Amino acid sequence: MMNAVLTITWLTFHEARRRRMALAAMVIGALFVALFGIGVWLIAREMERSAPLAIQNQAYSFLLIAGLYVVHFLTVMLAIFASVDTVAGEISTHTIQALVTRPIRRWQALLGKWLGFALMLTVYLGLLSLGVVAVMWLIVGYWPPNVAAGLPLLALEALTLLSLSLLGGTRLSTLTNGVALFMLYGVAFIGSWVEQIGALLQSSDAVRIGIITSLILPVEALWRRVAYLMQPPLANNLPGPFSTSSVPSEAMVVYAVVYAAIALLLAMRSFGQRDL
């Protein structure tokens, strides 16, 4: 049973690696890390001449979180674009029928695909995020707090969207699935800002709306927790685009894990009942 799953995992990973989309994502990611390093070097050179050390550290913290936000966005986009067609597209072209023949069961095929894409997304995220962190450390000697706690949450974001994408692909067309995922992400993004502004203005209704949108899709809530963990306390207390006035709790992390697992289980069940 596991041999079949691992075989499909390996095939999915290599297929994703060979696709131009994955190659383009890697090239863009490498280009971003290089430009990020040049920007950090130029900014650091100017700040060392005039800015106090405390101001420098706050600026470096802001630059790092800004860089990780770009990594977060690129990974979210790759998670959607890479997986949105993997089930729906193969069903529409009938190529899935060659894969789910005996003795491979449908749930094994879907689980193998999930693991293959999860491996690709984790490698991609790891290279980019560690590249950003390494650039900051090598150029200015700044190392953010809670790296070991923050970066896995970025991976959890991608895995959550991956599970949801495969679930949608078992019942929706590629276009409909992609539109639905982007709309859900947009709702979560706006809801996150509503919650942050509501917390600053002490509006319990606005905060409640943000929490509800986080329950619908917990991706942005995970990002806000990453930003909170990987900034020094002073940066979180100062107003700014990456300061967190309403911090998602550890319960939200647990919820996201359960959310991703249930979406994957539902995807396997839905795929098993789908007429091919």
Protein backbone atom coordinates (compact mmCIF):
# COMPACT_ATOMS: atom_id res chain seq x y z
CA MET A 1 0.00 0.00 0.00
CA MET A 2 2.69 2.51 1.01
CA ASN A 3 4.83 1.53 -1.97
CA ALA A 4 2.07 2.70 -4.31
CA VAL A 5 1.68 5.99 -2.41
CA LEU A 6 5.42 6.64 -2.36
CA THR A 7 5.73 5.83 -6.07
CA ILE A 8 3.04 8.37 -6.95
CA THR A 9 4.66 10.86 -4.54
CA TRP A 10 8.00 10.50 -6.34
CA LEU A 11 6.40 10.76 -9.79
CA THR A 12 4.36 13.82 -8.77
CA PHE A 13 7.40 15.55 -7.30
CA HIS A 14 9.50 14.97 -10.41
CA GLU A 15 6.65 15.96 -12.70
CA ALA A 16 6.22 19.21 -10.78
CA ARG A 17 9.97 19.76 -10.85
CA ARG A 18 10.09 19.32 -14.64
CA ARG A 19 7.17 21.64 -15.32
CA ARG A 20 8.05 25.14 -16.48
CA MET A 21 5.86 26.59 -13.74
CA ALA A 22 8.11 25.19 -11.02
CA LEU A 23 11.21 26.30 -12.93
CA ALA A 24 9.80 29.80 -13.35
CA ALA A 25 8.96 29.92 -9.64
CA MET A 26 12.52 28.94 -8.74
CA VAL A 27 14.03 31.52 -11.10
CA ILE A 28 11.76 34.26 -9.76
CA GLY A 29 12.51 33.19 -6.20
CA ALA A 30 16.27 33.24 -6.77
CA LEU A 31 16.00 36.63 -8.45
CA PHE A 32 14.02 37.97 -5.51
CA VAL A 33 16.57 36.74 -2.95
CA ALA A 34 19.39 38.33 -4.98
CA LEU A 35 17.55 41.67 -5.26
CA PHE A 36 16.63 41.48 -1.59
CA GLY A 37 20.30 41.04 -0.70
CA ILE A 38 21.33 44.01 -2.83
CA GLY A 39 18.62 46.16 -1.25
CA VAL A 40 19.62 45.16 2.27
CA TRP A 41 23.27 45.91 1.54
CA LEU A 42 22.50 49.37 0.16
CA ILE A 43 20.17 50.25 3.04
CA ALA A 44 22.58 48.93 5.66
CA ARG A 45 25.45 50.96 4.17
CA GLU A 46 23.46 54.17 4.53
CA MET A 47 22.07 53.38 7.99
CA GLU A 48 25.45 52.53 9.49
CA ARG A 49 26.58 56.09 8.82
CA SER A 50 23.88 57.90 10.76
CA ALA A 51 21.24 55.70 12.43
CA PRO A 52 21.61 54.50 16.04
CA LEU A 53 22.00 50.77 16.60
CA ALA A 54 18.47 50.40 18.02
CA ILE A 55 16.97 52.02 14.91
CA GLN A 56 19.10 49.81 12.70
CA ASN A 57 17.82 46.66 14.38
CA GLN A 58 14.21 47.77 13.99
CA ALA A 59 14.82 48.52 10.32
CA TYR A 60 16.46 45.13 9.78
CA SER A 61 13.54 43.41 11.47
CA PHE A 62 11.12 45.25 9.18
CA LEU A 63 13.15 44.32 6.08
CA LEU A 64 13.28 40.68 7.08
CA ILE A 65 9.53 40.42 7.65
CA ALA A 66 8.89 42.24 4.38
CA GLY A 67 11.10 39.71 2.62
CA LEU A 68 9.34 36.81 4.27
CA TYR A 69 5.99 38.28 3.26
CA VAL A 70 7.07 38.09 -0.38
CA VAL A 71 8.16 34.48 0.20
CA HIS A 72 4.78 33.81 1.80
CA PHE A 73 2.98 35.30 -1.21
CA LEU A 74 5.08 33.43 -3.80
CA THR A 75 4.52 30.14 -1.97
CA VAL A 76 0.78 30.73 -1.75
CA MET A 77 0.63 31.40 -5.49
CA LEU A 78 2.72 28.33 -6.28
CA ALA A 79 0.54 26.14 -4.04
CA ILE A 80 -2.55 27.22 -5.98
CA PHE A 81 -1.19 27.25 -9.52
CA ALA A 82 0.78 24.01 -9.22
CA SER A 83 -2.06 21.92 -7.81
CA VAL A 84 -5.27 23.48 -9.15
CA ASP A 85 -5.17 21.40 -12.34
CA THR A 86 -3.73 18.17 -10.99
CA VAL A 87 -7.07 16.41 -10.36
CA ALA A 88 -9.61 18.39 -12.38
CA GLY A 89 -7.38 18.55 -15.43
CA GLU A 90 -6.55 14.86 -15.38
CA ILE A 91 -10.22 13.99 -14.97
CA SER A 92 -11.24 16.17 -17.93
CA THR A 93 -8.54 14.67 -20.17
CA HIS A 94 -9.17 11.13 -18.83
CA THR A 95 -5.48 10.64 -18.08
CA ILE A 96 -6.37 9.91 -14.47
CA GLN A 97 -7.86 6.58 -15.55
CA ALA A 98 -4.42 5.25 -16.40
CA LEU A 99 -3.23 6.09 -12.88
CA VAL A 100 -6.04 4.71 -10.74
CA THR A 101 -6.04 1.21 -12.18
CA ARG A 102 -5.68 -1.76 -9.90
CA PRO A 103 -3.94 -2.36 -7.56
CA ILE A 104 -3.67 1.40 -6.90
CA ARG A 105 -6.72 2.80 -5.14
CA ARG A 106 -8.00 6.28 -5.72
CA TRP A 107 -7.22 7.53 -2.24
CA GLN A 108 -3.66 6.26 -2.61
CA ALA A 109 -3.27 8.20 -5.86
CA LEU A 110 -4.59 11.40 -4.29
CA LEU A 111 -2.48 11.01 -1.15
CA GLY A 112 0.59 10.42 -3.29
CA LYS A 113 -0.12 13.57 -5.28
CA TRP A 114 -0.58 15.55 -2.07
CA LEU A 115 2.73 14.30 -0.68
CA GLY A 116 4.53 15.05 -3.95
CA PHE A 117 3.30 18.63 -4.10
CA ALA A 118 3.87 19.05 -0.35
CA LEU A 119 7.49 18.01 -0.82
CA MET A 120 7.94 20.47 -3.70
CA LEU A 121 6.32 23.36 -1.80
CA THR A 122 8.33 22.64 1.35
CA VAL A 123 11.62 22.58 -0.57
CA TYR A 124 10.71 25.78 -2.40
CA LEU A 125 9.65 27.56 0.78
CA GLY A 126 12.70 26.33 2.67
CA LEU A 127 15.14 27.57 0.04
CA LEU A 128 13.54 31.02 -0.23
CA SER A 129 12.86 31.65 3.45
CA LEU A 130 16.27 30.43 4.61
CA GLY A 131 17.79 32.44 1.77
CA VAL A 132 16.16 35.62 3.08
CA VAL A 133 17.21 34.88 6.67
CA ALA A 134 20.76 34.01 5.58
CA VAL A 135 21.05 37.23 3.55
CA MET A 136 20.15 39.30 6.60
CA TRP A 137 22.62 37.44 8.79
CA LEU A 138 25.51 37.54 6.31
CA ILE A 139 25.11 41.22 5.39
CA VAL A 140 24.11 42.90 8.67
CA GLY A 141 24.47 40.15 11.27
CA TYR A 142 20.77 40.18 12.16
CA TRP A 143 19.11 36.89 13.11
CA PRO A 144 15.35 37.01 13.84
CA PRO A 145 13.78 35.37 16.88
CA ASN A 146 11.81 32.12 16.74
CA VAL A 147 12.95 31.00 13.29
CA ALA A 148 12.28 27.34 14.15
CA ALA A 149 8.74 28.21 15.22
CA GLY A 150 7.88 30.67 12.45
CA LEU A 151 9.03 28.96 9.26
CA PRO A 152 7.00 25.75 9.78
CA LEU A 153 3.87 27.91 9.99
CA LEU A 154 4.65 29.24 6.51
CA ALA A 155 4.79 25.63 5.31
CA LEU A 156 1.46 24.94 7.01
CA GLU A 157 -0.08 27.78 4.97
CA ALA A 158 0.97 26.11 1.72
CA LEU A 159 -0.21 22.67 2.85
CA THR A 160 -3.59 24.08 3.85
CA LEU A 161 -4.11 25.60 0.41
CA LEU A 162 -2.84 22.42 -1.22
CA SER A 163 -5.42 20.29 0.60
CA LEU A 164 -8.19 22.72 -0.28
CA SER A 165 -7.07 22.82 -3.92
CA LEU A 166 -7.16 19.03 -4.25
CA LEU A 167 -10.58 18.94 -2.58
CA GLY A 168 -11.96 21.48 -5.03
CA GLY A 169 -10.37 19.65 -7.94
CA THR A 170 -12.36 16.50 -7.24
CA ARG A 171 -15.66 18.28 -7.94
CA LEU A 172 -14.91 21.53 -9.78
CA SER A 173 -13.34 22.38 -13.11
CA THR A 174 -9.83 23.81 -13.14
CA LEU A 175 -11.03 27.37 -13.78
CA THR A 176 -13.78 27.24 -11.17
CA ASN A 177 -11.45 25.72 -8.60
CA GLY A 178 -8.80 28.39 -9.22
CA VAL A 179 -11.31 31.24 -9.01
CA ALA A 180 -12.79 29.82 -5.80
CA LEU A 181 -9.36 29.52 -4.17
CA PHE A 182 -8.38 33.08 -5.09
CA MET A 183 -11.70 34.42 -3.82
CA LEU A 184 -11.31 32.58 -0.52
CA TYR A 185 -7.77 33.89 -0.18
CA GLY A 186 -9.00 37.42 -0.93
CA VAL A 187 -11.68 37.12 1.75
CA ALA A 188 -9.09 35.89 4.27
CA PHE A 189 -6.71 38.73 3.32
CA ILE A 190 -9.32 41.46 3.75
CA GLY A 191 -10.66 39.85 6.92
CA SER A 192 -7.16 39.87 8.39
CA TRP A 193 -6.82 43.61 7.86
CA VAL A 194 -10.30 44.23 9.24
CA GLU A 195 -9.32 42.33 12.38
CA GLN A 196 -6.06 44.27 12.77
CA ILE A 197 -7.70 47.65 12.32
CA GLY A 198 -10.56 46.61 14.58
CA ALA A 199 -8.09 45.63 17.30
CA LEU A 200 -6.37 49.03 17.05
CA LEU A 201 -9.73 50.81 17.26
CA GLN A 202 -10.95 48.40 19.96
CA SER A 203 -13.90 47.32 17.83
CA SER A 204 -15.00 43.90 18.97
CA ASP A 205 -17.32 43.48 15.97
CA ALA A 206 -14.49 44.07 13.49
CA VAL A 207 -12.25 41.64 15.35
CA ARG A 208 -15.04 39.08 15.30
CA ILE A 209 -15.40 39.44 11.54
CA GLY A 210 -11.67 38.86 11.12
CA ILE A 211 -11.79 35.75 13.26
CA ILE A 212 -14.67 34.36 11.22
CA THR A 213 -12.76 34.86 7.97
CA SER A 214 -9.75 33.16 9.56
CA LEU A 215 -11.93 30.16 10.33
CA ILE A 216 -13.06 30.04 6.70
CA LEU A 217 -9.42 30.02 5.54
CA PRO A 218 -6.70 30.26 8.23
CA VAL A 219 -3.82 31.14 5.87
CA GLU A 220 -3.53 34.86 6.71
CA ALA A 221 -3.94 34.14 10.42
CA LEU A 222 -0.91 31.85 10.20
CA TRP A 223 1.07 34.60 8.48
CA ARG A 224 0.21 37.09 11.22
CA ARG A 225 1.45 34.63 13.82
CA VAL A 226 4.67 34.20 11.86
CA ALA A 227 5.13 37.99 11.76
CA TYR A 228 4.47 38.17 15.50
CA LEU A 229 6.91 35.39 16.38
CA MET A 230 9.76 36.53 14.15
CA GLN A 231 9.82 40.18 15.22
CA PRO A 232 11.22 41.57 18.49
CA PRO A 233 8.56 42.71 21.00
CA LEU A 234 9.19 46.40 20.29
CA ALA A 235 8.45 45.97 16.58
CA ASN A 236 5.09 44.38 17.38
CA ASN A 237 4.18 47.31 19.62
CA LEU A 238 4.94 49.95 17.00
CA PRO A 239 2.37 50.76 14.28
CA GLY A 240 3.29 49.39 10.90
CA PRO A 241 2.18 47.10 8.07
CA PHE A 242 3.65 44.02 9.76
CA SER A 243 2.88 44.80 13.40
CA THR A 244 0.28 42.50 14.92
CA SER A 245 -2.32 44.10 17.15
CA SER A 246 -4.49 40.97 17.23
CA VAL A 247 -2.25 37.91 17.59
CA PRO A 248 -3.65 34.53 16.48
CA SER A 249 -3.34 32.03 19.29
CA GLU A 250 -1.80 28.57 19.26
CA ALA A 251 -5.37 27.26 19.00
CA MET A 252 -5.53 28.77 15.51
CA VAL A 253 -2.42 26.79 14.56
CA VAL A 254 -4.07 23.60 15.79
CA TYR A 255 -7.21 24.55 13.89
CA ALA A 256 -5.19 25.02 10.69
CA VAL A 257 -3.62 21.57 11.07
CA VAL A 258 -7.04 19.99 11.58
CA TYR A 259 -8.45 22.08 8.71
CA ALA A 260 -5.78 20.86 6.29
CA ALA A 261 -6.14 17.25 7.43
CA ILE A 262 -9.94 17.25 7.09
CA ALA A 263 -9.75 18.89 3.66
CA LEU A 264 -7.33 16.18 2.53
CA LEU A 265 -9.53 13.39 3.92
CA LEU A 266 -12.59 14.89 2.25
CA ALA A 267 -10.65 15.15 -1.00
CA MET A 268 -9.73 11.46 -0.85
CA ARG A 269 -13.32 10.51 -0.07
CA SER A 270 -14.74 12.76 -2.79
CA PHE A 271 -12.28 11.47 -5.37
CA GLY A 272 -13.18 7.89 -4.46
CA GLN A 273 -16.87 8.56 -5.16
CA ARG A 274 -16.32 10.59 -8.34
CA ASP A 275 -17.40 9.07 -11.67
CA LEU A 276 -14.44 8.99 -14.01
